[in-house]
Amino acid sequence: MGLNRTVAAVLGVVYLAAGVAGFVLATPIFGLFDVNLLHNIVHLVFGAALLYGLMNTALATNINRTVGAILVVLGILGFVSADGFGLVPLGGADIWLHLVSGVILLAISMMGTREVATA
């Protein structure tokens, strides 16, 4: 299946599970990660996008790169505004979760194929 597709599958399931857990638990997930409605929806979208990338390696590479870049930006924003400018909680443990998963996705996407996904 390839590294990009495998990582997309694993992190896609993780982000989907985080989104669902945020709706079900309605409290900080594992007592560490603050969530709200928008945060849960974003996790579901990231998870679905990553799983969509399983269709082919080029698509997985592009989605890993895009989602990874967004997660790194969100991680950095967590240092600037822990409450996500009033939109989504980005501070605390979320900073590290977003930075680590974003860096992993970016690094894997850079090691992957140089093909460009086509519609």
PDB file of N, CA and C in Angstrom:
ATOM      1  N   MET A   1       0.829  -1.197   0.000  1.00  0.00           N
ATOM      2  CA  MET A   1       0.000   0.000   0.000  1.00  0.00           C
ATOM      3  C   MET A   1       0.865   1.249   0.000  1.00  0.00           C
ATOM      4  N   GLY A   2       2.038   1.220   0.517  1.00  0.00           N
ATOM      5  CA  GLY A   2       2.915   2.378   0.511  1.00  0.00           C
ATOM      6  C   GLY A   2       2.816   3.186   1.791  1.00  0.00           C
ATOM      7  N   LEU A   3       3.896   3.867   2.094  1.00  0.00           N
ATOM      8  CA  LEU A   3       3.997   4.618   3.348  1.00  0.00           C
ATOM      9  C   LEU A   3       2.991   5.758   3.444  1.00  0.00           C
ATOM     10  N   ASN A   4       2.823   6.545   2.386  1.00  0.00           N
ATOM     11  CA  ASN A   4       1.877   7.659   2.432  1.00  0.00           C
ATOM     12  C   ASN A   4       0.453   7.186   2.673  1.00  0.00           C
ATOM     13  N   ARG A   5       0.063   6.133   2.012  1.00  0.00           N
ATOM     14  CA  ARG A   5      -1.300   5.622   2.191  1.00  0.00           C
ATOM     15  C   ARG A   5      -1.470   5.005   3.575  1.00  0.00           C
ATOM     16  N   THR A   6      -0.450   4.331   4.076  1.00  0.00           N
ATOM     17  CA  THR A   6      -0.531   3.716   5.405  1.00  0.00           C
ATOM     18  C   THR A   6      -0.672   4.781   6.488  1.00  0.00           C
ATOM     19  N   VAL A   7       0.157   5.816   6.413  1.00  0.00           N
ATOM     20  CA  VAL A   7       0.091   6.893   7.408  1.00  0.00           C
ATOM     21  C   VAL A   7      -1.238   7.632   7.297  1.00  0.00           C
ATOM     22  N   ALA A   8      -1.713   7.853   6.065  1.00  0.00           N
ATOM     23  CA  ALA A   8      -3.014   8.495   5.879  1.00  0.00           C
ATOM     24  C   ALA A   8      -4.122   7.659   6.518  1.00  0.00           C
ATOM     25  N   ALA A   9      -4.032   6.346   6.382  1.00  0.00           N
ATOM     26  CA  ALA A   9      -5.042   5.463   6.969  1.00  0.00           C
ATOM     27  C   ALA A   9      -5.012   5.545   8.490  1.00  0.00           C
ATOM     28  N   VAL A  10      -3.831   5.441   9.068  1.00  0.00           N
ATOM     29  CA  VAL A  10      -3.713   5.438  10.536  1.00  0.00           C
ATOM     30  C   VAL A  10      -4.169   6.771  11.116  1.00  0.00           C
ATOM     31  N   LEU A  11      -3.618   7.878  10.601  1.00  0.00           N
ATOM     32  CA  LEU A  11      -3.994   9.178  11.156  1.00  0.00           C
ATOM     33  C   LEU A  11      -5.419   9.565  10.781  1.00  0.00           C
ATOM     34  N   GLY A  12      -5.909   9.073   9.645  1.00  0.00           N
ATOM     35  CA  GLY A  12      -7.308   9.311   9.289  1.00  0.00           C
ATOM     36  C   GLY A  12      -8.247   8.697  10.309  1.00  0.00           C
ATOM     37  N   VAL A  13      -7.967   7.474  10.707  1.00  0.00           N
ATOM     38  CA  VAL A  13      -8.781   6.804  11.733  1.00  0.00           C
ATOM     39  C   VAL A  13      -8.640   7.531  13.075  1.00  0.00           C
ATOM     40  N   VAL A  14      -7.430   7.958  13.417  1.00  0.00           N
ATOM     41  CA  VAL A  14      -7.203   8.669  14.683  1.00  0.00           C
ATOM     42  C   VAL A  14      -8.001   9.968  14.717  1.00  0.00           C
ATOM     43  N   TYR A  15      -7.933  10.748  13.631  1.00  0.00           N
ATOM     44  CA  TYR A  15      -8.661  12.022  13.618  1.00  0.00           C
ATOM     45  C   TYR A  15     -10.177  11.809  13.559  1.00  0.00           C
ATOM     46  N   LEU A  16     -10.649  10.803  12.841  1.00  0.00           N
ATOM     47  CA  LEU A  16     -12.089  10.500  12.871  1.00  0.00           C
ATOM     48  C   LEU A  16     -12.530  10.098  14.279  1.00  0.00           C
ATOM     49  N   ALA A  17     -11.734   9.256  14.923  1.00  0.00           N
ATOM     50  CA  ALA A  17     -12.066   8.826  16.286  1.00  0.00           C
ATOM     51  C   ALA A  17     -12.071  10.007  17.243  1.00  0.00           C
ATOM     52  N   ALA A  18     -11.117  10.919  17.082  1.00  0.00           N
ATOM     53  CA  ALA A  18     -11.070  12.108  17.948  1.00  0.00           C
ATOM     54  C   ALA A  18     -12.312  12.969  17.745  1.00  0.00           C
ATOM     55  N   GLY A  19     -12.734  13.107  16.486  1.00  0.00           N
ATOM     56  CA  GLY A  19     -13.939  13.889  16.208  1.00  0.00           C
ATOM     57  C   GLY A  19     -15.176  13.266  16.823  1.00  0.00           C
ATOM     58  N   VAL A  20     -15.321  11.967  16.683  1.00  0.00           N
ATOM     59  CA  VAL A  20     -16.470  11.258  17.259  1.00  0.00           C
ATOM     60  C   VAL A  20     -16.406  11.313  18.785  1.00  0.00           C
ATOM     61  N   ALA A  21     -15.228  11.087  19.346  1.00  0.00           N
ATOM     62  CA  ALA A  21     -15.073  11.119  20.811  1.00  0.00           C
ATOM     63  C   ALA A  21     -15.442  12.485  21.364  1.00  0.00           C
ATOM     64  N   GLY A  22     -15.092  13.534  20.638  1.00  0.00           N
ATOM     65  CA  GLY A  22     -15.448  14.885  21.094  1.00  0.00           C
ATOM     66  C   GLY A  22     -16.942  15.077  21.182  1.00  0.00           C
ATOM     67  N   PHE A  23     -17.688  14.493  20.244  1.00  0.00           N
ATOM     68  CA  PHE A  23     -19.149  14.599  20.292  1.00  0.00           C
ATOM     69  C   PHE A  23     -19.734  13.727  21.402  1.00  0.00           C
ATOM     70  N   VAL A  24     -19.193  12.545  21.580  1.00  0.00           N
ATOM     71  CA  VAL A  24     -19.740  11.591  22.542  1.00  0.00           C
ATOM     72  C   VAL A  24     -19.419  12.000  23.976  1.00  0.00           C
ATOM     73  N   LEU A  25     -18.168  12.358  24.219  1.00  0.00           N
ATOM     74  CA  LEU A  25     -17.745  12.658  25.583  1.00  0.00           C
ATOM     75  C   LEU A  25     -18.170  14.046  26.047  1.00  0.00           C
ATOM     76  N   ALA A  26     -18.199  15.000  25.135  1.00  0.00           N
ATOM     77  CA  ALA A  26     -18.604  16.374  25.435  1.00  0.00           C
ATOM     78  C   ALA A  26     -17.815  16.985  26.596  1.00  0.00           C
ATOM     79  N   THR A  27     -16.661  16.447  26.879  1.00  0.00           N
ATOM     80  CA  THR A  27     -15.741  16.984  27.885  1.00  0.00           C
ATOM     81  C   THR A  27     -14.352  16.912  27.279  1.00  0.00           C
ATOM     82  N   PRO A  28     -13.368  17.457  27.946  1.00  0.00           N
ATOM     83  CA  PRO A  28     -12.014  17.293  27.394  1.00  0.00           C
ATOM     84  C   PRO A  28     -11.691  15.808  27.180  1.00  0.00           C
ATOM     85  N   ILE A  29     -11.214  15.485  25.971  1.00  0.00           N
ATOM     86  CA  ILE A  29     -10.890  14.102  25.627  1.00  0.00           C
ATOM     87  C   ILE A  29      -9.680  13.662  26.442  1.00  0.00           C
ATOM     88  N   PHE A  30      -9.816  12.546  27.143  1.00  0.00           N
ATOM     89  CA  PHE A  30      -8.787  12.005  28.036  1.00  0.00           C
ATOM     90  C   PHE A  30      -8.358  13.026  29.089  1.00  0.00           C
ATOM     91  N   GLY A  31      -9.190  14.026  29.338  1.00  0.00           N
ATOM     92  CA  GLY A  31      -8.858  15.064  30.299  1.00  0.00           C
ATOM     93  C   GLY A  31      -7.751  15.990  29.826  1.00  0.00           C
ATOM     94  N   LEU A  32      -7.319  15.843  28.562  1.00  0.00           N
ATOM     95  CA  LEU A  32      -6.188  16.626  28.048  1.00  0.00           C
ATOM     96  C   LEU A  32      -6.543  17.598  26.931  1.00  0.00           C
ATOM     97  N   PHE A  33      -7.458  17.198  26.075  1.00  0.00           N
ATOM     98  CA  PHE A  33      -7.716  17.964  24.862  1.00  0.00           C
ATOM     99  C   PHE A  33      -9.081  18.630  24.932  1.00  0.00           C
ATOM    100  N   ASP A  34      -9.087  19.969  25.030  1.00  0.00           N
ATOM    101  CA  ASP A  34     -10.346  20.697  25.013  1.00  0.00           C
ATOM    102  C   ASP A  34     -10.913  20.666  23.601  1.00  0.00           C
ATOM    103  N   VAL A  35     -12.215  20.509  23.491  1.00  0.00           N
ATOM    104  CA  VAL A  35     -12.872  20.466  22.185  1.00  0.00           C
ATOM    105  C   VAL A  35     -14.145  21.290  22.224  1.00  0.00           C
ATOM    106  N   ASN A  36     -14.617  21.664  21.061  1.00  0.00           N
ATOM    107  CA  ASN A  36     -15.934  22.265  20.915  1.00  0.00           C
ATOM    108  C   ASN A  36     -16.517  21.766  19.591  1.00  0.00           C
ATOM    109  N   LEU A  37     -17.674  22.220  19.225  1.00  0.00           N
ATOM    110  CA  LEU A  37     -18.353  21.728  18.025  1.00  0.00           C
ATOM    111  C   LEU A  37     -17.484  21.892  16.781  1.00  0.00           C
ATOM    112  N   LEU A  38     -16.943  23.083  16.568  1.00  0.00           N
ATOM    113  CA  LEU A  38     -16.124  23.330  15.382  1.00  0.00           C
ATOM    114  C   LEU A  38     -14.865  22.468  15.378  1.00  0.00           C
ATOM    115  N   HIS A  39     -14.246  22.314  16.534  1.00  0.00           N
ATOM    116  CA  HIS A  39     -13.045  21.497  16.664  1.00  0.00           C
ATOM    117  C   HIS A  39     -13.351  20.045  16.269  1.00  0.00           C
ATOM    118  N   ASN A  40     -14.471  19.528  16.746  1.00  0.00           N
ATOM    119  CA  ASN A  40     -14.869  18.160  16.405  1.00  0.00           C
ATOM    120  C   ASN A  40     -15.115  18.007  14.904  1.00  0.00           C
ATOM    121  N   ILE A  41     -15.763  18.992  14.312  1.00  0.00           N
ATOM    122  CA  ILE A  41     -16.037  18.948  12.876  1.00  0.00           C
ATOM    123  C   ILE A  41     -14.731  18.972  12.087  1.00  0.00           C
ATOM    124  N   VAL A  42     -13.774  19.812  12.508  1.00  0.00           N
ATOM    125  CA  VAL A  42     -12.480  19.876  11.828  1.00  0.00           C
ATOM    126  C   VAL A  42     -11.764  18.531  11.921  1.00  0.00           C
ATOM    127  N   HIS A  43     -11.815  17.887  13.093  1.00  0.00           N
ATOM    128  CA  HIS A  43     -11.201  16.560  13.221  1.00  0.00           C
ATOM    129  C   HIS A  43     -11.856  15.562  12.265  1.00  0.00           C
ATOM    130  N   LEU A  44     -13.170  15.601  12.165  1.00  0.00           N
ATOM    131  CA  LEU A  44     -13.873  14.693  11.250  1.00  0.00           C
ATOM    132  C   LEU A  44     -13.479  14.960   9.791  1.00  0.00           C
ATOM    133  N   VAL A  45     -13.366  16.234   9.422  1.00  0.00           N
ATOM    134  CA  VAL A  45     -12.987  16.595   8.053  1.00  0.00           C
ATOM    135  C   VAL A  45     -11.562  16.125   7.760  1.00  0.00           C
ATOM    136  N   PHE A  46     -10.630  16.370   8.688  1.00  0.00           N
ATOM    137  CA  PHE A  46      -9.250  15.907   8.487  1.00  0.00           C
ATOM    138  C   PHE A  46      -9.205  14.387   8.359  1.00  0.00           C
ATOM    139  N   GLY A  47      -9.923  13.688   9.233  1.00  0.00           N
ATOM    140  CA  GLY A  47      -9.941  12.227   9.174  1.00  0.00           C
ATOM    141  C   GLY A  47     -10.508  11.728   7.859  1.00  0.00           C
ATOM    142  N   ALA A  48     -11.616  12.323   7.428  1.00  0.00           N
ATOM    143  CA  ALA A  48     -12.236  11.906   6.162  1.00  0.00           C
ATOM    144  C   ALA A  48     -11.318  12.209   4.976  1.00  0.00           C
ATOM    145  N   ALA A  49     -10.665  13.361   4.997  1.00  0.00           N
ATOM    146  CA  ALA A  49      -9.743  13.720   3.910  1.00  0.00           C
ATOM    147  C   ALA A  49      -8.588  12.732   3.837  1.00  0.00           C
ATOM    148  N   LEU A  50      -8.015  12.410   4.991  1.00  0.00           N
ATOM    149  CA  LEU A  50      -6.898  11.461   5.013  1.00  0.00           C
ATOM    150  C   LEU A  50      -7.338  10.087   4.508  1.00  0.00           C
ATOM    151  N   LEU A  51      -8.522   9.645   4.896  1.00  0.00           N
ATOM    152  CA  LEU A  51      -9.011   8.348   4.413  1.00  0.00           C
ATOM    153  C   LEU A  51      -9.344   8.399   2.922  1.00  0.00           C
ATOM    154  N   TYR A  52      -9.797   9.525   2.447  1.00  0.00           N
ATOM    155  CA  TYR A  52     -10.044   9.694   1.010  1.00  0.00           C
ATOM    156  C   TYR A  52      -8.740   9.515   0.229  1.00  0.00           C
ATOM    157  N   GLY A  53      -7.631   9.916   0.839  1.00  0.00           N
ATOM    158  CA  GLY A  53      -6.331   9.774   0.207  1.00  0.00           C
ATOM    159  C   GLY A  53      -5.918   8.341  -0.062  1.00  0.00           C
ATOM    160  N   LEU A  54      -6.612   7.395   0.525  1.00  0.00           N
ATOM    161  CA  LEU A  54      -6.265   5.991   0.315  1.00  0.00           C
ATOM    162  C   LEU A  54      -6.545   5.521  -1.115  1.00  0.00           C
ATOM    163  N   MET A  55      -7.226   6.335  -1.895  1.00  0.00           N
ATOM    164  CA  MET A  55      -7.582   5.927  -3.254  1.00  0.00           C
ATOM    165  C   MET A  55      -6.345   5.680  -4.118  1.00  0.00           C
ATOM    166  N   ASN A  56      -5.316   6.505  -3.956  1.00  0.00           N
ATOM    167  CA  ASN A  56      -4.058   6.256  -4.672  1.00  0.00           C
ATOM    168  C   ASN A  56      -2.922   6.993  -3.969  1.00  0.00           C
ATOM    169  N   THR A  57      -1.713   6.611  -4.295  1.00  0.00           N
ATOM    170  CA  THR A  57      -0.542   7.141  -3.598  1.00  0.00           C
ATOM    171  C   THR A  57      -0.352   8.631  -3.825  1.00  0.00           C
ATOM    172  N   ALA A  58      -0.538   9.088  -5.045  1.00  0.00           N
ATOM    173  CA  ALA A  58      -0.358  10.513  -5.334  1.00  0.00           C
ATOM    174  C   ALA A  58      -1.351  11.358  -4.537  1.00  0.00           C
ATOM    175  N   LEU A  59      -2.572  10.912  -4.456  1.00  0.00           N
ATOM    176  CA  LEU A  59      -3.593  11.635  -3.701  1.00  0.00           C
ATOM    177  C   LEU A  59      -3.249  11.624  -2.212  1.00  0.00           C
ATOM    178  N   ALA A  60      -2.839  10.488  -1.698  1.00  0.00           N
ATOM    179  CA  ALA A  60      -2.450  10.397  -0.289  1.00  0.00           C
ATOM    180  C   ALA A  60      -1.291  11.350   0.008  1.00  0.00           C
ATOM    181  N   THR A  61      -0.321  11.412  -0.889  1.00  0.00           N
ATOM    182  CA  THR A  61       0.825  12.300  -0.712  1.00  0.00           C
ATOM    183  C   THR A  61       0.376  13.751  -0.636  1.00  0.00           C
ATOM    184  N   ASN A  62      -0.483  14.163  -1.554  1.00  0.00           N
ATOM    185  CA  ASN A  62      -0.959  15.548  -1.569  1.00  0.00           C
ATOM    186  C   ASN A  62      -1.813  15.879  -0.353  1.00  0.00           C
ATOM    187  N   ILE A  63      -2.670  14.968   0.039  1.00  0.00           N
ATOM    188  CA  ILE A  63      -3.518  15.216   1.210  1.00  0.00           C
ATOM    189  C   ILE A  63      -2.666  15.225   2.481  1.00  0.00           C
ATOM    190  N   ASN A  64      -1.713  14.309   2.598  1.00  0.00           N
ATOM    191  CA  ASN A  64      -0.823  14.308   3.761  1.00  0.00           C
ATOM    192  C   ASN A  64      -0.097  15.642   3.869  1.00  0.00           C
ATOM    193  N   ARG A  65       0.393  16.134   2.737  1.00  0.00           N
ATOM    194  CA  ARG A  65       1.121  17.407   2.731  1.00  0.00           C
ATOM    195  C   ARG A  65       0.205  18.562   3.134  1.00  0.00           C
ATOM    196  N   THR A  66      -0.994  18.592   2.600  1.00  0.00           N
ATOM    197  CA  THR A  66      -1.922  19.686   2.887  1.00  0.00           C
ATOM    198  C   THR A  66      -2.387  19.666   4.340  1.00  0.00           C
ATOM    199  N   VAL A  67      -2.872  18.512   4.789  1.00  0.00           N
ATOM    200  CA  VAL A  67      -3.345  18.395   6.172  1.00  0.00           C
ATOM    201  C   VAL A  67      -2.187  18.609   7.136  1.00  0.00           C
ATOM    202  N   GLY A  68      -1.014  18.074   6.811  1.00  0.00           N
ATOM    203  CA  GLY A  68       0.161  18.268   7.660  1.00  0.00           C
ATOM    204  C   GLY A  68       0.513  19.731   7.816  1.00  0.00           C
ATOM    205  N   ALA A  69       0.503  20.473   6.716  1.00  0.00           N
ATOM    206  CA  ALA A  69       0.816  21.908   6.775  1.00  0.00           C
ATOM    207  C   ALA A  69      -0.211  22.662   7.622  1.00  0.00           C
ATOM    208  N   ILE A  70      -1.475  22.335   7.444  1.00  0.00           N
ATOM    209  CA  ILE A  70      -2.528  22.996   8.232  1.00  0.00           C
ATOM    210  C   ILE A  70      -2.346  22.687   9.715  1.00  0.00           C
ATOM    211  N   LEU A  71      -2.036  21.437  10.044  1.00  0.00           N
ATOM    212  CA  LEU A  71      -1.852  21.059  11.448  1.00  0.00           C
ATOM    213  C   LEU A  71      -0.655  21.772  12.073  1.00  0.00           C
ATOM    214  N   VAL A  72       0.420  21.927  11.325  1.00  0.00           N
ATOM    215  CA  VAL A  72       1.587  22.658  11.850  1.00  0.00           C
ATOM    216  C   VAL A  72       1.200  24.107  12.117  1.00  0.00           C
ATOM    217  N   VAL A  73       0.476  24.728  11.198  1.00  0.00           N
ATOM    218  CA  VAL A  73       0.020  26.109  11.402  1.00  0.00           C
ATOM    219  C   VAL A  73      -0.883  26.192  12.637  1.00  0.00           C
ATOM    220  N   LEU A  74      -1.802  25.239  12.792  1.00  0.00           N
ATOM    221  CA  LEU A  74      -2.680  25.239  13.966  1.00  0.00           C
ATOM    222  C   LEU A  74      -1.879  25.056  15.256  1.00  0.00           C
ATOM    223  N   GLY A  75      -0.849  24.204  15.215  1.00  0.00           N
ATOM    224  CA  GLY A  75       0.008  24.017  16.379  1.00  0.00           C
ATOM    225  C   GLY A  75       0.710  25.309  16.761  1.00  0.00           C
ATOM    226  N   ILE A  76       1.239  26.014  15.785  1.00  0.00           N
ATOM    227  CA  ILE A  76       1.914  27.296  16.053  1.00  0.00           C
ATOM    228  C   ILE A  76       0.908  28.327  16.559  1.00  0.00           C
ATOM    229  N   LEU A  77      -0.280  28.347  15.979  1.00  0.00           N
ATOM    230  CA  LEU A  77      -1.319  29.278  16.446  1.00  0.00           C
ATOM    231  C   LEU A  77      -1.706  29.014  17.897  1.00  0.00           C
ATOM    232  N   GLY A  78      -1.566  27.776  18.333  1.00  0.00           N
ATOM    233  CA  GLY A  78      -1.866  27.442  19.724  1.00  0.00           C
ATOM    234  C   GLY A  78      -0.975  28.191  20.700  1.00  0.00           C
ATOM    235  N   PHE A  79       0.264  28.499  20.291  1.00  0.00           N
ATOM    236  CA  PHE A  79       1.154  29.305  21.132  1.00  0.00           C
ATOM    237  C   PHE A  79       0.713  30.763  21.157  1.00  0.00           C
ATOM    238  N   VAL A  80       0.159  31.226  20.042  1.00  0.00           N
ATOM    239  CA  VAL A  80      -0.244  32.625  19.904  1.00  0.00           C
ATOM    240  C   VAL A  80      -1.591  32.880  20.583  1.00  0.00           C
ATOM    241  N   SER A  81      -2.540  31.977  20.365  1.00  0.00           N
ATOM    242  CA  SER A  81      -3.887  32.140  20.911  1.00  0.00           C
ATOM    243  C   SER A  81      -4.426  30.775  21.328  1.00  0.00           C
ATOM    244  N   ALA A  82      -4.293  30.486  22.607  1.00  0.00           N
ATOM    245  CA  ALA A  82      -4.718  29.174  23.115  1.00  0.00           C
ATOM    246  C   ALA A  82      -6.204  28.912  22.872  1.00  0.00           C
ATOM    247  N   ASP A  83      -7.003  29.980  22.818  1.00  0.00           N
ATOM    248  CA  ASP A  83      -8.438  29.777  22.591  1.00  0.00           C
ATOM    249  C   ASP A  83      -8.794  29.871  21.110  1.00  0.00           C
ATOM    250  N   GLY A  84      -7.776  29.853  20.246  1.00  0.00           N
ATOM    251  CA  GLY A  84      -8.039  29.870  18.803  1.00  0.00           C
ATOM    252  C   GLY A  84      -8.841  31.068  18.366  1.00  0.00           C
ATOM    253  N   PHE A  85      -8.528  32.236  18.957  1.00  0.00           N
ATOM    254  CA  PHE A  85      -9.229  33.475  18.632  1.00  0.00           C
ATOM    255  C   PHE A  85     -10.731  33.348  18.853  1.00  0.00           C
ATOM    256  N   GLY A  86     -11.092  32.555  19.856  1.00  0.00           N
ATOM    257  CA  GLY A  86     -12.489  32.369  20.212  1.00  0.00           C
ATOM    258  C   GLY A  86     -13.223  31.347  19.362  1.00  0.00           C
ATOM    259  N   LEU A  87     -12.525  30.692  18.430  1.00  0.00           N
ATOM    260  CA  LEU A  87     -13.190  29.735  17.539  1.00  0.00           C
ATOM    261  C   LEU A  87     -13.032  28.295  17.990  1.00  0.00           C
ATOM    262  N   VAL A  88     -11.801  27.866  18.179  1.00  0.00           N
ATOM    263  CA  VAL A  88     -11.516  26.489  18.576  1.00  0.00           C
ATOM    264  C   VAL A  88     -10.391  26.491  19.596  1.00  0.00           C
ATOM    265  N   PRO A  89     -10.477  25.626  20.605  1.00  0.00           N
ATOM    266  CA  PRO A  89      -9.373  25.552  21.566  1.00  0.00           C
ATOM    267  C   PRO A  89      -8.133  24.941  20.898  1.00  0.00           C
ATOM    268  N   LEU A  90      -7.026  25.688  20.936  1.00  0.00           N
ATOM    269  CA  LEU A  90      -5.794  25.235  20.290  1.00  0.00           C
ATOM    270  C   LEU A  90      -4.630  25.082  21.259  1.00  0.00           C
ATOM    271  N   GLY A  91      -4.831  25.467  22.507  1.00  0.00           N
ATOM    272  CA  GLY A  91      -3.731  25.475  23.462  1.00  0.00           C
ATOM    273  C   GLY A  91      -3.526  24.144  24.155  1.00  0.00           C
ATOM    274  N   GLY A  92      -2.614  24.153  25.112  1.00  0.00           N
ATOM    275  CA  GLY A  92      -2.340  22.970  25.926  1.00  0.00           C
ATOM    276  C   GLY A  92      -1.812  21.807  25.111  1.00  0.00           C
ATOM    277  N   ALA A  93      -2.336  20.632  25.397  1.00  0.00           N
ATOM    278  CA  ALA A  93      -1.877  19.408  24.735  1.00  0.00           C
ATOM    279  C   ALA A  93      -2.191  19.409  23.243  1.00  0.00           C
ATOM    280  N   ASP A  94      -3.194  20.175  22.819  1.00  0.00           N
ATOM    281  CA  ASP A  94      -3.529  20.253  21.396  1.00  0.00           C
ATOM    282  C   ASP A  94      -2.352  20.765  20.571  1.00  0.00           C
ATOM    283  N   ILE A  95      -1.579  21.689  21.135  1.00  0.00           N
ATOM    284  CA  ILE A  95      -0.421  22.227  20.416  1.00  0.00           C
ATOM    285  C   ILE A  95       0.474  21.079  19.968  1.00  0.00           C
ATOM    286  N   TRP A  96       0.817  20.219  20.912  1.00  0.00           N
ATOM    287  CA  TRP A  96       1.762  19.140  20.624  1.00  0.00           C
ATOM    288  C   TRP A  96       1.166  18.070  19.731  1.00  0.00           C
ATOM    289  N   LEU A  97      -0.101  17.762  19.927  1.00  0.00           N
ATOM    290  CA  LEU A  97      -0.763  16.791  19.054  1.00  0.00           C
ATOM    291  C   LEU A  97      -0.759  17.289  17.610  1.00  0.00           C
ATOM    292  N   HIS A  98      -1.116  18.555  17.421  1.00  0.00           N
ATOM    293  CA  HIS A  98      -1.162  19.111  16.073  1.00  0.00           C
ATOM    294  C   HIS A  98       0.231  19.208  15.457  1.00  0.00           C
ATOM    295  N   LEU A  99       1.206  19.663  16.241  1.00  0.00           N
ATOM    296  CA  LEU A  99       2.569  19.780  15.708  1.00  0.00           C
ATOM    297  C   LEU A  99       3.159  18.417  15.343  1.00  0.00           C
ATOM    298  N   VAL A 100       3.022  17.446  16.237  1.00  0.00           N
ATOM    299  CA  VAL A 100       3.608  16.127  15.979  1.00  0.00           C
ATOM    300  C   VAL A 100       2.937  15.453  14.791  1.00  0.00           C
ATOM    301  N   SER A 101       1.611  15.421  14.767  1.00  0.00           N
ATOM    302  CA  SER A 101       0.942  14.753  13.643  1.00  0.00           C
ATOM    303  C   SER A 101       1.169  15.532  12.344  1.00  0.00           C
ATOM    304  N   GLY A 102       1.224  16.857  12.407  1.00  0.00           N
ATOM    305  CA  GLY A 102       1.491  17.654  11.210  1.00  0.00           C
ATOM    306  C   GLY A 102       2.880  17.413  10.660  1.00  0.00           C
ATOM    307  N   VAL A 103       3.875  17.364  11.531  1.00  0.00           N
ATOM    308  CA  VAL A 103       5.254  17.112  11.092  1.00  0.00           C
ATOM    309  C   VAL A 103       5.377  15.703  10.510  1.00  0.00           C
ATOM    310  N   ILE A 104       4.728  14.744  11.135  1.00  0.00           N
ATOM    311  CA  ILE A 104       4.760  13.374  10.602  1.00  0.00           C
ATOM    312  C   ILE A 104       4.164  13.348   9.193  1.00  0.00           C
ATOM    313  N   LEU A 105       3.005  13.957   9.024  1.00  0.00           N
ATOM    314  CA  LEU A 105       2.365  13.965   7.710  1.00  0.00           C
ATOM    315  C   LEU A 105       3.232  14.679   6.669  1.00  0.00           C
ATOM    316  N   LEU A 106       3.800  15.824   7.041  1.00  0.00           N
ATOM    317  CA  LEU A 106       4.662  16.551   6.104  1.00  0.00           C
ATOM    318  C   LEU A 106       5.899  15.736   5.739  1.00  0.00           C
ATOM    319  N   ALA A 107       6.532  15.160   6.753  1.00  0.00           N
ATOM    320  CA  ALA A 107       7.760  14.386   6.505  1.00  0.00           C
ATOM    321  C   ALA A 107       7.471  13.190   5.600  1.00  0.00           C
ATOM    322  N   ILE A 108       6.410  12.477   5.878  1.00  0.00           N
ATOM    323  CA  ILE A 108       6.064  11.310   5.062  1.00  0.00           C
ATOM    324  C   ILE A 108       5.725  11.744   3.637  1.00  0.00           C
ATOM    325  N   SER A 109       5.024  12.856   3.500  1.00  0.00           N
ATOM    326  CA  SER A 109       4.657  13.312   2.153  1.00  0.00           C
ATOM    327  C   SER A 109       5.882  13.719   1.346  1.00  0.00           C
ATOM    328  N   MET A 110       6.902  14.194   2.023  1.00  0.00           N
ATOM    329  CA  MET A 110       8.133  14.584   1.317  1.00  0.00           C
ATOM    330  C   MET A 110       8.956  13.366   0.908  1.00  0.00           C
ATOM    331  N   MET A 111       8.754  12.249   1.584  1.00  0.00           N
ATOM    332  CA  MET A 111       9.480  11.027   1.243  1.00  0.00           C
ATOM    333  C   MET A 111       8.763  10.213   0.170  1.00  0.00           C
ATOM    334  N   GLY A 112       7.543  10.614  -0.143  1.00  0.00           N
ATOM    335  CA  GLY A 112       6.732   9.840  -1.073  1.00  0.00           C
ATOM    336  C   GLY A 112       7.025  10.147  -2.520  1.00  0.00           C
ATOM    337  N   THR A 113       6.126   9.716  -3.317  1.00  0.00           N
ATOM    338  CA  THR A 113       6.236   9.872  -4.765  1.00  0.00           C
ATOM    339  C   THR A 113       6.169  11.334  -5.178  1.00  0.00           C
ATOM    340  N   ARG A 114       6.709  11.634  -6.330  1.00  0.00           N
ATOM    341  CA  ARG A 114       6.670  12.989  -6.864  1.00  0.00           C
ATOM    342  C   ARG A 114       5.503  13.162  -7.841  1.00  0.00           C
ATOM    343  N   GLU A 115       4.647  12.155  -7.936  1.00  0.00           N
ATOM    344  CA  GLU A 115       3.483  12.245  -8.813  1.00  0.00           C
ATOM    345  C   GLU A 115       2.531  13.302  -8.295  1.00  0.00           C
ATOM    346  N   VAL A 116       1.765  13.880  -9.189  1.00  0.00           N
ATOM    347  CA  VAL A 116       0.745  14.849  -8.825  1.00  0.00           C
ATOM    348  C   VAL A 116      -0.604  14.188  -9.040  1.00  0.00           C
ATOM    349  N   ALA A 117      -1.481  14.316  -8.060  1.00  0.00           N
ATOM    350  CA  ALA A 117      -2.810  13.724  -8.178  1.00  0.00           C
ATOM    351  C   ALA A 117      -3.601  14.431  -9.281  1.00  0.00           C
ATOM    352  N   THR A 118      -4.340  13.674 -10.030  1.00  0.00           N
ATOM    353  CA  THR A 118      -5.196  14.254 -11.060  1.00  0.00           C
ATOM    354  C   THR A 118      -6.626  13.864 -10.765  1.00  0.00           C
ATOM    355  N   ALA A 119      -7.516  14.714 -11.190  1.00  0.00           N
ATOM    356  CA  ALA A 119      -8.936  14.461 -10.926  1.00  0.00           C
ATOM    357  C   ALA A 119      -9.483  13.413 -11.835  1.00  0.00           C
TER     358      ALA A 119
END
